[in-house]
Amino acid sequence: MNTTRNHTVLLTLLAIGTFMLVSWLFVASNAAHAKFACTGGTYVVQPGDTLYGVAMARCEGNIVNAVHHIEKMNGGSLIHPGQTLTLPLHD
């Protein structure tokens, strides 16, 4: 192998290693930030409520993740007054 090829291979391996490290750090940091805690139990939807509003009032931490779990537990994002939502306890 010549010197130019050695440098190319070295730089490629360095780039791959850097990408893997950054990816691992991103996943590790997002896992910590994805945590949320809700009051659990149920909530009866009132006129004007949104899932985001319910999550803001009943959950702490990553609200977007809490909304996702509320949607998942209750069959989607469409809610209506009088509907009873099941709230997750935590992520």
PDB file of N, CA and C in Angstrom:
ATOM      1  N   MET A   1       0.840  -1.186   0.000  1.00  0.00           N
ATOM      2  CA  MET A   1       0.000   0.000   0.000  1.00  0.00           C
ATOM      3  C   MET A   1       0.884   1.248   0.000  1.00  0.00           C
ATOM      4  N   ASN A   2       0.450   2.222  -0.734  1.00  0.00           N
ATOM      5  CA  ASN A   2       1.222   3.455  -0.725  1.00  0.00           C
ATOM      6  C   ASN A   2       0.726   4.379   0.381  1.00  0.00           C
ATOM      7  N   THR A   3       1.442   5.462   0.605  1.00  0.00           N
ATOM      8  CA  THR A   3       1.141   6.378   1.704  1.00  0.00           C
ATOM      9  C   THR A   3      -0.227   7.030   1.544  1.00  0.00           C
ATOM     10  N   THR A   4      -0.596   7.423   0.332  1.00  0.00           N
ATOM     11  CA  THR A   4      -1.887   8.064   0.102  1.00  0.00           C
ATOM     12  C   THR A   4      -3.032   7.109   0.439  1.00  0.00           C
ATOM     13  N   ARG A   5      -2.898   5.873   0.029  1.00  0.00           N
ATOM     14  CA  ARG A   5      -3.937   4.881   0.326  1.00  0.00           C
ATOM     15  C   ARG A   5      -4.011   4.634   1.830  1.00  0.00           C
ATOM     16  N   ASN A   6      -2.867   4.585   2.508  1.00  0.00           N
ATOM     17  CA  ASN A   6      -2.855   4.398   3.965  1.00  0.00           C
ATOM     18  C   ASN A   6      -3.594   5.538   4.652  1.00  0.00           C
ATOM     19  N   HIS A   7      -3.371   6.757   4.215  1.00  0.00           N
ATOM     20  CA  HIS A   7      -4.043   7.913   4.814  1.00  0.00           C
ATOM     21  C   HIS A   7      -5.545   7.861   4.558  1.00  0.00           C
ATOM     22  N   THR A   8      -5.930   7.429   3.369  1.00  0.00           N
ATOM     23  CA  THR A   8      -7.351   7.323   3.033  1.00  0.00           C
ATOM     24  C   THR A   8      -8.028   6.285   3.916  1.00  0.00           C
ATOM     25  N   VAL A   9      -7.412   5.152   4.075  1.00  0.00           N
ATOM     26  CA  VAL A   9      -7.971   4.096   4.924  1.00  0.00           C
ATOM     27  C   VAL A   9      -8.039   4.573   6.373  1.00  0.00           C
ATOM     28  N   LEU A  10      -7.007   5.213   6.845  1.00  0.00           N
ATOM     29  CA  LEU A  10      -6.975   5.720   8.218  1.00  0.00           C
ATOM     30  C   LEU A  10      -8.063   6.763   8.436  1.00  0.00           C
ATOM     31  N   LEU A  11      -8.216   7.688   7.506  1.00  0.00           N
ATOM     32  CA  LEU A  11      -9.245   8.716   7.633  1.00  0.00           C
ATOM     33  C   LEU A  11     -10.649   8.107   7.570  1.00  0.00           C
ATOM     34  N   THR A  12     -10.839   7.105   6.744  1.00  0.00           N
ATOM     35  CA  THR A  12     -12.136   6.430   6.658  1.00  0.00           C
ATOM     36  C   THR A  12     -12.470   5.738   7.973  1.00  0.00           C
ATOM     37  N   LEU A  13     -11.505   5.029   8.533  1.00  0.00           N
ATOM     38  CA  LEU A  13     -11.720   4.359   9.819  1.00  0.00           C
ATOM     39  C   LEU A  13     -11.970   5.365  10.936  1.00  0.00           C
ATOM     40  N   LEU A  14     -11.273   6.468  10.909  1.00  0.00           N
ATOM     41  CA  LEU A  14     -11.467   7.521  11.904  1.00  0.00           C
ATOM     42  C   LEU A  14     -12.870   8.113  11.778  1.00  0.00           C
ATOM     43  N   ALA A  15     -13.319   8.340  10.548  1.00  0.00           N
ATOM     44  CA  ALA A  15     -14.662   8.889  10.327  1.00  0.00           C
ATOM     45  C   ALA A  15     -15.731   7.920  10.811  1.00  0.00           C
ATOM     46  N   ILE A  16     -15.558   6.632  10.528  1.00  0.00           N
ATOM     47  CA  ILE A  16     -16.527   5.629  10.974  1.00  0.00           C
ATOM     48  C   ILE A  16     -16.556   5.559  12.498  1.00  0.00           C
ATOM     49  N   GLY A  17     -15.390   5.562  13.110  1.00  0.00           N
ATOM     50  CA  GLY A  17     -15.316   5.522  14.573  1.00  0.00           C
ATOM     51  C   GLY A  17     -15.960   6.743  15.208  1.00  0.00           C
ATOM     52  N   THR A  18     -15.724   7.907  14.630  1.00  0.00           N
ATOM     53  CA  THR A  18     -16.318   9.140  15.145  1.00  0.00           C
ATOM     54  C   THR A  18     -17.833   9.084  15.015  1.00  0.00           C
ATOM     55  N   PHE A  19     -18.320   8.636  13.855  1.00  0.00           N
ATOM     56  CA  PHE A  19     -19.758   8.509  13.646  1.00  0.00           C
ATOM     57  C   PHE A  19     -20.379   7.561  14.676  1.00  0.00           C
ATOM     58  N   MET A  20     -19.736   6.434  14.921  1.00  0.00           N
ATOM     59  CA  MET A  20     -20.262   5.465  15.887  1.00  0.00           C
ATOM     60  C   MET A  20     -20.292   6.052  17.293  1.00  0.00           C
ATOM     61  N   LEU A  21     -19.261   6.784  17.671  1.00  0.00           N
ATOM     62  CA  LEU A  21     -19.212   7.400  18.997  1.00  0.00           C
ATOM     63  C   LEU A  21     -20.304   8.451  19.149  1.00  0.00           C
ATOM     64  N   VAL A  22     -20.451   9.313  18.154  1.00  0.00           N
ATOM     65  CA  VAL A  22     -21.482  10.357  18.209  1.00  0.00           C
ATOM     66  C   VAL A  22     -22.871   9.725  18.254  1.00  0.00           C
ATOM     67  N   SER A  23     -23.088   8.676  17.471  1.00  0.00           N
ATOM     68  CA  SER A  23     -24.385   7.984  17.473  1.00  0.00           C
ATOM     69  C   SER A  23     -24.678   7.391  18.842  1.00  0.00           C
ATOM     70  N   TRP A  24     -23.706   6.762  19.439  1.00  0.00           N
ATOM     71  CA  TRP A  24     -23.895   6.173  20.769  1.00  0.00           C
ATOM     72  C   TRP A  24     -24.205   7.249  21.798  1.00  0.00           C
ATOM     73  N   LEU A  25     -23.478   8.366  21.753  1.00  0.00           N
ATOM     74  CA  LEU A  25     -23.723   9.458  22.698  1.00  0.00           C
ATOM     75  C   LEU A  25     -25.115  10.043  22.511  1.00  0.00           C
ATOM     76  N   PHE A  26     -25.558  10.168  21.258  1.00  0.00           N
ATOM     77  CA  PHE A  26     -26.886  10.698  20.975  1.00  0.00           C
ATOM     78  C   PHE A  26     -27.959   9.789  21.552  1.00  0.00           C
ATOM     79  N   VAL A  27     -27.839   8.495  21.336  1.00  0.00           N
ATOM     80  CA  VAL A  27     -28.819   7.536  21.849  1.00  0.00           C
ATOM     81  C   VAL A  27     -28.814   7.545  23.369  1.00  0.00           C
ATOM     82  N   ALA A  28     -27.645   7.554  23.963  1.00  0.00           N
ATOM     83  CA  ALA A  28     -27.548   7.536  25.428  1.00  0.00           C
ATOM     84  C   ALA A  28     -28.155   8.801  26.031  1.00  0.00           C
ATOM     85  N   SER A  29     -27.897   9.954  25.425  1.00  0.00           N
ATOM     86  CA  SER A  29     -28.431  11.196  25.987  1.00  0.00           C
ATOM     87  C   SER A  29     -29.935  11.284  25.759  1.00  0.00           C
ATOM     88  N   ASN A  30     -30.433  10.812  24.619  1.00  0.00           N
ATOM     89  CA  ASN A  30     -31.867  10.859  24.365  1.00  0.00           C
ATOM     90  C   ASN A  30     -32.628   9.911  25.268  1.00  0.00           C
ATOM     91  N   ALA A  31     -32.029   8.802  25.624  1.00  0.00           N
ATOM     92  CA  ALA A  31     -32.708   7.865  26.513  1.00  0.00           C
ATOM     93  C   ALA A  31     -32.981   8.527  27.857  1.00  0.00           C
ATOM     94  N   ALA A  32     -32.037   9.297  28.349  1.00  0.00           N
ATOM     95  CA  ALA A  32     -32.228   9.992  29.620  1.00  0.00           C
ATOM     96  C   ALA A  32     -33.276  11.090  29.493  1.00  0.00           C
ATOM     97  N   HIS A  33     -33.291  11.782  28.366  1.00  0.00           N
ATOM     98  CA  HIS A  33     -34.226  12.883  28.175  1.00  0.00           C
ATOM     99  C   HIS A  33     -35.617  12.402  27.784  1.00  0.00           C
ATOM    100  N   ALA A  34     -35.765  11.164  27.364  1.00  0.00           N
ATOM    101  CA  ALA A  34     -37.058  10.650  26.934  1.00  0.00           C
ATOM    102  C   ALA A  34     -37.944  10.255  28.109  1.00  0.00           C
ATOM    103  N   LYS A  35     -37.406  10.260  29.297  1.00  0.00           N
ATOM    104  CA  LYS A  35     -38.158   9.838  30.478  1.00  0.00           C
ATOM    105  C   LYS A  35     -39.275  10.823  30.797  1.00  0.00           C
ATOM    106  N   PHE A  36     -40.376  10.278  31.264  1.00  0.00           N
ATOM    107  CA  PHE A  36     -41.485  11.093  31.714  1.00  0.00           C
ATOM    108  C   PHE A  36     -42.200  10.352  32.836  1.00  0.00           C
ATOM    109  N   ALA A  37     -42.982  11.073  33.587  1.00  0.00           N
ATOM    110  CA  ALA A  37     -43.803  10.475  34.633  1.00  0.00           C
ATOM    111  C   ALA A  37     -45.158  11.166  34.618  1.00  0.00           C
ATOM    112  N   CYS A  38     -46.214  10.373  34.566  1.00  0.00           N
ATOM    113  CA  CYS A  38     -47.578  10.901  34.606  1.00  0.00           C
ATOM    114  C   CYS A  38     -48.240  10.456  35.904  1.00  0.00           C
ATOM    115  N   THR A  39     -49.374  11.064  36.198  1.00  0.00           N
ATOM    116  CA  THR A  39     -50.086  10.715  37.417  1.00  0.00           C
ATOM    117  C   THR A  39     -50.668   9.316  37.367  1.00  0.00           C
ATOM    118  N   GLY A  40     -50.793   8.766  36.165  1.00  0.00           N
ATOM    119  CA  GLY A  40     -51.407   7.452  36.024  1.00  0.00           C
ATOM    120  C   GLY A  40     -52.913   7.563  36.185  1.00  0.00           C
ATOM    121  N   GLY A  41     -53.574   6.464  36.183  1.00  0.00           N
ATOM    122  CA  GLY A  41     -55.023   6.476  36.342  1.00  0.00           C
ATOM    123  C   GLY A  41     -55.726   6.901  35.062  1.00  0.00           C
ATOM    124  N   THR A  42     -56.846   7.588  35.230  1.00  0.00           N
ATOM    125  CA  THR A  42     -57.629   8.002  34.073  1.00  0.00           C
ATOM    126  C   THR A  42     -57.912   9.497  34.124  1.00  0.00           C
ATOM    127  N   TYR A  43     -58.323  10.022  32.982  1.00  0.00           N
ATOM    128  CA  TYR A  43     -58.707  11.426  32.876  1.00  0.00           C
ATOM    129  C   TYR A  43     -59.879  11.511  31.906  1.00  0.00           C
ATOM    130  N   VAL A  44     -60.936  12.231  32.289  1.00  0.00           N
ATOM    131  CA  VAL A  44     -62.091  12.415  31.421  1.00  0.00           C
ATOM    132  C   VAL A  44     -61.877  13.696  30.614  1.00  0.00           C
ATOM    133  N   VAL A  45     -61.902  13.554  29.301  1.00  0.00           N
ATOM    134  CA  VAL A  45     -61.648  14.667  28.387  1.00  0.00           C
ATOM    135  C   VAL A  45     -62.749  15.717  28.513  1.00  0.00           C
ATOM    136  N   GLN A  46     -62.331  16.972  28.631  1.00  0.00           N
ATOM    137  CA  GLN A  46     -63.237  18.112  28.711  1.00  0.00           C
ATOM    138  C   GLN A  46     -63.247  18.840  27.361  1.00  0.00           C
ATOM    139  N   PRO A  47     -64.304  19.613  27.075  1.00  0.00           N
ATOM    140  CA  PRO A  47     -64.321  20.383  25.826  1.00  0.00           C
ATOM    141  C   PRO A  47     -63.087  21.276  25.714  1.00  0.00           C
ATOM    142  N   GLY A  48     -62.448  21.259  24.561  1.00  0.00           N
ATOM    143  CA  GLY A  48     -61.248  22.083  24.335  1.00  0.00           C
ATOM    144  C   GLY A  48     -59.944  21.399  24.693  1.00  0.00           C
ATOM    145  N   ASP A  49     -59.997  20.221  25.315  1.00  0.00           N
ATOM    146  CA  ASP A  49     -58.768  19.502  25.680  1.00  0.00           C
ATOM    147  C   ASP A  49     -58.030  19.001  24.441  1.00  0.00           C
ATOM    148  N   THR A  50     -56.729  18.919  24.565  1.00  0.00           N
ATOM    149  CA  THR A  50     -55.873  18.266  23.578  1.00  0.00           C
ATOM    150  C   THR A  50     -55.006  17.265  24.321  1.00  0.00           C
ATOM    151  N   LEU A  51     -54.458  16.301  23.597  1.00  0.00           N
ATOM    152  CA  LEU A  51     -53.560  15.352  24.256  1.00  0.00           C
ATOM    153  C   LEU A  51     -52.352  16.066  24.841  1.00  0.00           C
ATOM    154  N   TYR A  52     -51.848  17.044  24.098  1.00  0.00           N
ATOM    155  CA  TYR A  52     -50.687  17.799  24.593  1.00  0.00           C
ATOM    156  C   TYR A  52     -51.055  18.533  25.881  1.00  0.00           C
ATOM    157  N   GLY A  53     -52.218  19.142  25.911  1.00  0.00           N
ATOM    158  CA  GLY A  53     -52.657  19.854  27.117  1.00  0.00           C
ATOM    159  C   GLY A  53     -52.834  18.925  28.296  1.00  0.00           C
ATOM    160  N   VAL A  54     -53.411  17.748  28.047  1.00  0.00           N
ATOM    161  CA  VAL A  54     -53.576  16.757  29.120  1.00  0.00           C
ATOM    162  C   VAL A  54     -52.210  16.316  29.630  1.00  0.00           C
ATOM    163  N   ALA A  55     -51.284  16.053  28.704  1.00  0.00           N
ATOM    164  CA  ALA A  55     -49.938  15.635  29.114  1.00  0.00           C
ATOM    165  C   ALA A  55     -49.235  16.745  29.897  1.00  0.00           C
ATOM    166  N   MET A  56     -49.401  17.987  29.472  1.00  0.00           N
ATOM    167  CA  MET A  56     -48.775  19.111  30.198  1.00  0.00           C
ATOM    168  C   MET A  56     -49.311  19.203  31.628  1.00  0.00           C
ATOM    169  N   ALA A  57     -50.608  18.942  31.802  1.00  0.00           N
ATOM    170  CA  ALA A  57     -51.230  19.060  33.117  1.00  0.00           C
ATOM    171  C   ALA A  57     -50.968  17.854  34.016  1.00  0.00           C
ATOM    172  N   ARG A  58     -50.793  16.685  33.416  1.00  0.00           N
ATOM    173  CA  ARG A  58     -50.726  15.450  34.202  1.00  0.00           C
ATOM    174  C   ARG A  58     -49.378  14.737  34.186  1.00  0.00           C
ATOM    175  N   CYS A  59     -48.420  15.255  33.400  1.00  0.00           N
ATOM    176  CA  CYS A  59     -47.137  14.565  33.259  1.00  0.00           C
ATOM    177  C   CYS A  59     -45.985  15.531  33.469  1.00  0.00           C
ATOM    178  N   GLU A  60     -44.835  14.974  33.795  1.00  0.00           N
ATOM    179  CA  GLU A  60     -43.591  15.732  33.923  1.00  0.00           C
ATOM    180  C   GLU A  60     -42.527  15.053  33.078  1.00  0.00           C
ATOM    181  N   GLY A  61     -41.516  15.805  32.682  1.00  0.00           N
ATOM    182  CA  GLY A  61     -40.430  15.238  31.891  1.00  0.00           C
ATOM    183  C   GLY A  61     -40.652  15.494  30.419  1.00  0.00           C
ATOM    184  N   ASN A  62     -40.367  14.505  29.595  1.00  0.00           N
ATOM    185  CA  ASN A  62     -40.480  14.641  28.149  1.00  0.00           C
ATOM    186  C   ASN A  62     -41.954  14.537  27.744  1.00  0.00           C
ATOM    187  N   ILE A  63     -42.587  15.693  27.532  1.00  0.00           N
ATOM    188  CA  ILE A  63     -44.011  15.749  27.244  1.00  0.00           C
ATOM    189  C   ILE A  63     -44.331  15.098  25.896  1.00  0.00           C
ATOM    190  N   VAL A  64     -43.464  15.287  24.910  1.00  0.00           N
ATOM    191  CA  VAL A  64     -43.708  14.686  23.597  1.00  0.00           C
ATOM    192  C   VAL A  64     -43.760  13.169  23.718  1.00  0.00           C
ATOM    193  N   ASN A  65     -42.874  12.593  24.486  1.00  0.00           N
ATOM    194  CA  ASN A  65     -42.882  11.141  24.698  1.00  0.00           C
ATOM    195  C   ASN A  65     -44.128  10.726  25.484  1.00  0.00           C
ATOM    196  N   ALA A  66     -44.536  11.540  26.442  1.00  0.00           N
ATOM    197  CA  ALA A  66     -45.752  11.240  27.201  1.00  0.00           C
ATOM    198  C   ALA A  66     -46.965  11.249  26.281  1.00  0.00           C
ATOM    199  N   VAL A  67     -47.066  12.243  25.387  1.00  0.00           N
ATOM    200  CA  VAL A  67     -48.177  12.303  24.428  1.00  0.00           C
ATOM    201  C   VAL A  67     -48.189  11.045  23.561  1.00  0.00           C
ATOM    202  N   HIS A  68     -47.021  10.649  23.095  1.00  0.00           N
ATOM    203  CA  HIS A  68     -46.920   9.435  22.278  1.00  0.00           C
ATOM    204  C   HIS A  68     -47.477   8.228  23.029  1.00  0.00           C
ATOM    205  N   HIS A  69     -47.118   8.078  24.290  1.00  0.00           N
ATOM    206  CA  HIS A  69     -47.597   6.927  25.065  1.00  0.00           C
ATOM    207  C   HIS A  69     -49.096   7.024  25.343  1.00  0.00           C
ATOM    208  N   ILE A  70     -49.602   8.232  25.588  1.00  0.00           N
ATOM    209  CA  ILE A  70     -51.046   8.395  25.797  1.00  0.00           C
ATOM    210  C   ILE A  70     -51.795   8.009  24.525  1.00  0.00           C
ATOM    211  N   GLU A  71     -51.298   8.469  23.374  1.00  0.00           N
ATOM    212  CA  GLU A  71     -51.903   8.099  22.087  1.00  0.00           C
ATOM    213  C   GLU A  71     -51.913   6.581  21.912  1.00  0.00           C
ATOM    214  N   LYS A  72     -50.758   5.981  22.188  1.00  0.00           N
ATOM    215  CA  LYS A  72     -50.596   4.537  22.012  1.00  0.00           C
ATOM    216  C   LYS A  72     -51.552   3.744  22.913  1.00  0.00           C
ATOM    217  N   MET A  73     -51.730   4.212  24.135  1.00  0.00           N
ATOM    218  CA  MET A  73     -52.575   3.502  25.100  1.00  0.00           C
ATOM    219  C   MET A  73     -54.067   3.674  24.814  1.00  0.00           C
ATOM    220  N   ASN A  74     -54.424   4.759  24.090  1.00  0.00           N
ATOM    221  CA  ASN A  74     -55.829   5.089  23.909  1.00  0.00           C
ATOM    222  C   ASN A  74     -56.310   5.018  22.461  1.00  0.00           C
ATOM    223  N   GLY A  75     -55.519   4.413  21.599  1.00  0.00           N
ATOM    224  CA  GLY A  75     -55.976   4.169  20.241  1.00  0.00           C
ATOM    225  C   GLY A  75     -55.866   5.322  19.268  1.00  0.00           C
ATOM    226  N   GLY A  76     -54.993   6.263  19.528  1.00  0.00           N
ATOM    227  CA  GLY A  76     -54.780   7.341  18.569  1.00  0.00           C
ATOM    228  C   GLY A  76     -54.860   8.725  19.178  1.00  0.00           C
ATOM    229  N   SER A  77     -54.760   9.717  18.306  1.00  0.00           N
ATOM    230  CA  SER A  77     -54.662  11.099  18.772  1.00  0.00           C
ATOM    231  C   SER A  77     -55.996  11.834  18.790  1.00  0.00           C
ATOM    232  N   LEU A  78     -57.036  11.265  18.194  1.00  0.00           N
ATOM    233  CA  LEU A  78     -58.341  11.912  18.167  1.00  0.00           C
ATOM    234  C   LEU A  78     -59.054  11.660  19.490  1.00  0.00           C
ATOM    235  N   ILE A  79     -59.383  12.739  20.188  1.00  0.00           N
ATOM    236  CA  ILE A  79     -60.104  12.615  21.457  1.00  0.00           C
ATOM    237  C   ILE A  79     -61.373  13.469  21.374  1.00  0.00           C
ATOM    238  N   HIS A  80     -62.340  13.155  22.240  1.00  0.00           N
ATOM    239  CA  HIS A  80     -63.582  13.913  22.263  1.00  0.00           C
ATOM    240  C   HIS A  80     -64.061  14.064  23.708  1.00  0.00           C
ATOM    241  N   PRO A  81     -64.810  15.150  24.000  1.00  0.00           N
ATOM    242  CA  PRO A  81     -65.305  15.365  25.368  1.00  0.00           C
ATOM    243  C   PRO A  81     -66.080  14.151  25.883  1.00  0.00           C
ATOM    244  N   GLY A  82     -65.829  13.816  27.129  1.00  0.00           N
ATOM    245  CA  GLY A  82     -66.482  12.673  27.763  1.00  0.00           C
ATOM    246  C   GLY A  82     -65.691  11.384  27.660  1.00  0.00           C
ATOM    247  N   GLN A  83     -64.708  11.353  26.753  1.00  0.00           N
ATOM    248  CA  GLN A  83     -63.879  10.165  26.596  1.00  0.00           C
ATOM    249  C   GLN A  83     -62.975  10.022  27.822  1.00  0.00           C
ATOM    250  N   THR A  84     -62.795   8.791  28.278  1.00  0.00           N
ATOM    251  CA  THR A  84     -61.896   8.528  29.394  1.00  0.00           C
ATOM    252  C   THR A  84     -60.557   8.060  28.847  1.00  0.00           C
ATOM    253  N   LEU A  85     -59.510   8.807  29.164  1.00  0.00           N
ATOM    254  CA  LEU A  85     -58.156   8.456  28.730  1.00  0.00           C
ATOM    255  C   LEU A  85     -57.451   7.719  29.849  1.00  0.00           C
ATOM    256  N   THR A  86     -56.717   6.690  29.494  1.00  0.00           N
ATOM    257  CA  THR A  86     -55.837   6.008  30.438  1.00  0.00           C
ATOM    258  C   THR A  86     -54.477   6.674  30.336  1.00  0.00           C
ATOM    259  N   LEU A  87     -53.933   7.081  31.479  1.00  0.00           N
ATOM    260  CA  LEU A  87     -52.636   7.756  31.509  1.00  0.00           C
ATOM    261  C   LEU A  87     -51.550   6.801  31.986  1.00  0.00           C
ATOM    262  N   PRO A  88     -50.388   6.829  31.323  1.00  0.00           N
ATOM    263  CA  PRO A  88     -49.280   5.968  31.775  1.00  0.00           C
ATOM    264  C   PRO A  88     -48.713   6.500  33.086  1.00  0.00           C
ATOM    265  N   LEU A  89     -48.141   5.615  33.865  1.00  0.00           N
ATOM    266  CA  LEU A  89     -47.493   6.042  35.106  1.00  0.00           C
ATOM    267  C   LEU A  89     -46.123   6.647  34.830  1.00  0.00           C
ATOM    268  N   HIS A  90     -45.354   6.011  33.939  1.00  0.00           N
ATOM    269  CA  HIS A  90     -44.001   6.469  33.621  1.00  0.00           C
ATOM    270  C   HIS A  90     -43.555   5.810  32.339  1.00  0.00           C
ATOM    271  N   ASP A  91     -42.378   6.254  31.858  1.00  0.00           N
ATOM    272  CA  ASP A  91     -41.781   5.662  30.657  1.00  0.00           C
ATOM    273  C   ASP A  91     -40.898   4.518  31.076  1.00  0.00           C
TER     274      ASP A  91
END
